[in-house]
Each structure stands twice: as structure tokens, then as C-alpha cells.
Amino acid sequence: MPYKRNPQTLEDRQRAAEAAIPLSERRLTSDELAVVLKVPLSWVYKQTSQRGPDAMPHFKCGKYCRFDLQQVLEWSANKAQVAHK
């Protein structure tokens, strides 16, 4: 009997693996962060290009940016507090 491959594609397996990890524990891509924050992708890119203590928290994986959602939400809350003072 010939070997049968699993019918799932690589993308299907990646989606299943991502679904198994809670959003708060995942490292988000720029696209995913823009969707979660409901902002344009260009805004995320602009925030990551800024430097200094007020810069959006992110880290690089080669040429790609990844985000810890909890850190970004805390950063956003701090920015909102400063803006309202």
C-alpha cells in the first residue's frame, strides 16, 4: 500500500498551531497587531520606526518585527495617560 500524505497543507498546520496558543502568549506579526489594535498597518510601521523610551515595544526576528501583545497594550495605556495629562 502506498504511503498517504497528511492532507493538511503547511498553512493549515500553522493555523492550527497558532490557534492552540492563546493570543496573549503569542508573538504577533505587524499585520496581526494592526488587526488587534484596529489601526492601519502603516501606523504600526511608523511606531516601530521610532526610537527612544516612548517607542512601541517590539523585537526583531531577522528583518521581521514581532510584538508581545501584553507589552504593546501596556505601552498604549501609558501613552494614553500621558496624552490626557
C-alpha atoms as a PDB file:
ATOM      1  CA  MET A   1       0.000   0.000   0.000  1.00  0.00           C
ATOM      2  CA  PRO A   2       1.492   3.382  -0.966  1.00  0.00           C
ATOM      3  CA  TYR A   3       2.282   5.972   1.672  1.00  0.00           C
ATOM      4  CA  LYS A   4      -0.502   8.542   2.082  1.00  0.00           C
ATOM      5  CA  ARG A   5       0.481  12.062   2.989  1.00  0.00           C
ATOM      6  CA  ASN A   6      -1.423  14.005   5.535  1.00  0.00           C
ATOM      7  CA  PRO A   7      -3.910  16.073   3.508  1.00  0.00           C
ATOM      8  CA  GLN A   8      -3.201  19.196   5.569  1.00  0.00           C
ATOM      9  CA  THR A   9      -1.046  21.825   3.948  1.00  0.00           C
ATOM     10  CA  LEU A  10       1.706  23.633   5.797  1.00  0.00           C
ATOM     11  CA  GLU A  11      -0.584  26.661   6.144  1.00  0.00           C
ATOM     12  CA  ASP A  12      -3.297  24.500   7.728  1.00  0.00           C
ATOM     13  CA  ARG A  13      -0.819  23.142  10.260  1.00  0.00           C
ATOM     14  CA  GLN A  14       0.478  26.641  11.041  1.00  0.00           C
ATOM     15  CA  ARG A  15      -3.062  27.941  11.588  1.00  0.00           C
ATOM     16  CA  ALA A  16      -3.855  25.007  13.874  1.00  0.00           C
ATOM     17  CA  ALA A  17      -0.660  25.577  15.873  1.00  0.00           C
ATOM     18  CA  GLU A  18      -1.422  29.301  16.228  1.00  0.00           C
ATOM     19  CA  ALA A  19      -4.990  28.583  17.321  1.00  0.00           C
ATOM     20  CA  ALA A  20      -3.690  26.336  20.107  1.00  0.00           C
ATOM     21  CA  ILE A  21      -1.692  29.199  21.658  1.00  0.00           C
ATOM     22  CA  PRO A  22      -3.692  31.975  23.354  1.00  0.00           C
ATOM     23  CA  LEU A  23      -3.354  35.350  21.642  1.00  0.00           C
ATOM     24  CA  SER A  24      -1.873  36.906  24.799  1.00  0.00           C
ATOM     25  CA  GLU A  25       1.027  34.408  24.724  1.00  0.00           C
ATOM     26  CA  ARG A  26       1.815  34.602  21.008  1.00  0.00           C
ATOM     27  CA  ARG A  27       4.291  36.847  19.274  1.00  0.00           C
ATOM     28  CA  LEU A  28       2.262  38.827  16.776  1.00  0.00           C
ATOM     29  CA  THR A  29       3.260  39.958  13.310  1.00  0.00           C
ATOM     30  CA  SER A  30       2.745  43.568  12.229  1.00  0.00           C
ATOM     31  CA  ASP A  31      -0.374  42.549  10.291  1.00  0.00           C
ATOM     32  CA  GLU A  32      -1.868  40.714  13.268  1.00  0.00           C
ATOM     33  CA  LEU A  33      -1.125  43.610  15.631  1.00  0.00           C
ATOM     34  CA  ALA A  34      -2.792  46.086  13.276  1.00  0.00           C
ATOM     35  CA  VAL A  35      -5.931  43.920  13.231  1.00  0.00           C
ATOM     36  CA  VAL A  36      -5.990  43.518  17.032  1.00  0.00           C
ATOM     37  CA  LEU A  37      -5.474  47.256  17.631  1.00  0.00           C
ATOM     38  CA  LYS A  38      -7.807  48.207  14.751  1.00  0.00           C
ATOM     39  CA  VAL A  39      -5.261  50.573  13.225  1.00  0.00           C
ATOM     40  CA  PRO A  40      -3.739  50.788   9.744  1.00  0.00           C
ATOM     41  CA  LEU A  41      -0.648  48.696   9.111  1.00  0.00           C
ATOM     42  CA  SER A  42       1.200  51.890   8.186  1.00  0.00           C
ATOM     43  CA  TRP A  43       0.636  53.169  11.748  1.00  0.00           C
ATOM     44  CA  VAL A  44       2.294  50.047  13.183  1.00  0.00           C
ATOM     45  CA  TYR A  45       5.257  50.525  10.838  1.00  0.00           C
ATOM     46  CA  LYS A  46       5.567  54.186  11.828  1.00  0.00           C
ATOM     47  CA  GLN A  47       5.541  53.332  15.537  1.00  0.00           C
ATOM     48  CA  THR A  48       8.263  50.698  15.116  1.00  0.00           C
ATOM     49  CA  SER A  49      10.487  53.141  13.263  1.00  0.00           C
ATOM     50  CA  GLN A  50      10.564  55.498  16.256  1.00  0.00           C
ATOM     51  CA  ARG A  51      13.363  55.151  18.801  1.00  0.00           C
ATOM     52  CA  GLY A  52      13.751  56.096  22.442  1.00  0.00           C
ATOM     53  CA  PRO A  53      11.922  55.367  25.682  1.00  0.00           C
ATOM     54  CA  ASP A  54       8.483  56.100  24.154  1.00  0.00           C
ATOM     55  CA  ALA A  55       8.918  53.692  21.238  1.00  0.00           C
ATOM     56  CA  MET A  56       6.462  50.843  20.764  1.00  0.00           C
ATOM     57  CA  PRO A  57       7.900  47.658  22.299  1.00  0.00           C
ATOM     58  CA  HIS A  58       8.901  45.139  19.644  1.00  0.00           C
ATOM     59  CA  PHE A  59      11.745  42.854  18.773  1.00  0.00           C
ATOM     60  CA  LYS A  60      13.310  41.780  15.529  1.00  0.00           C
ATOM     61  CA  CYS A  61      13.468  38.270  14.113  1.00  0.00           C
ATOM     62  CA  GLY A  62      15.901  38.934  11.312  1.00  0.00           C
ATOM     63  CA  LYS A  63      14.193  41.574   9.207  1.00  0.00           C
ATOM     64  CA  TYR A  64      10.759  40.894  10.728  1.00  0.00           C
ATOM     65  CA  CYS A  65       9.190  42.651  13.721  1.00  0.00           C
ATOM     66  CA  ARG A  66       7.309  40.696  16.350  1.00  0.00           C
ATOM     67  CA  PHE A  67       5.194  42.042  19.177  1.00  0.00           C
ATOM     68  CA  ASP A  68       4.193  40.866  22.636  1.00  0.00           C
ATOM     69  CA  LEU A  69       0.544  41.898  22.868  1.00  0.00           C
ATOM     70  CA  GLN A  70       0.617  42.495  26.631  1.00  0.00           C
ATOM     71  CA  GLN A  71       3.623  44.831  26.346  1.00  0.00           C
ATOM     72  CA  VAL A  72       2.016  46.753  23.483  1.00  0.00           C
ATOM     73  CA  LEU A  73      -1.248  47.181  25.399  1.00  0.00           C
ATOM     74  CA  GLU A  74       0.642  48.472  28.454  1.00  0.00           C
ATOM     75  CA  TRP A  75       2.615  50.851  26.225  1.00  0.00           C
ATOM     76  CA  SER A  76      -0.621  52.079  24.656  1.00  0.00           C
ATOM     77  CA  ALA A  77      -2.241  52.661  28.059  1.00  0.00           C
ATOM     78  CA  ASN A  78       0.810  54.649  29.218  1.00  0.00           C
ATOM     79  CA  LYS A  79       0.718  56.762  26.053  1.00  0.00           C
ATOM     80  CA  ALA A  80      -2.976  57.479  26.626  1.00  0.00           C
ATOM     81  CA  GLN A  81      -2.330  58.562  30.243  1.00  0.00           C
ATOM     82  CA  VAL A  82       0.437  60.933  29.174  1.00  0.00           C
ATOM     83  CA  ALA A  83      -1.774  62.424  26.453  1.00  0.00           C
ATOM     84  CA  HIS A  84      -4.573  63.165  28.951  1.00  0.00           C
ATOM     85  CA  LYS A  85      -2.359  64.978  31.472  1.00  0.00           C
END
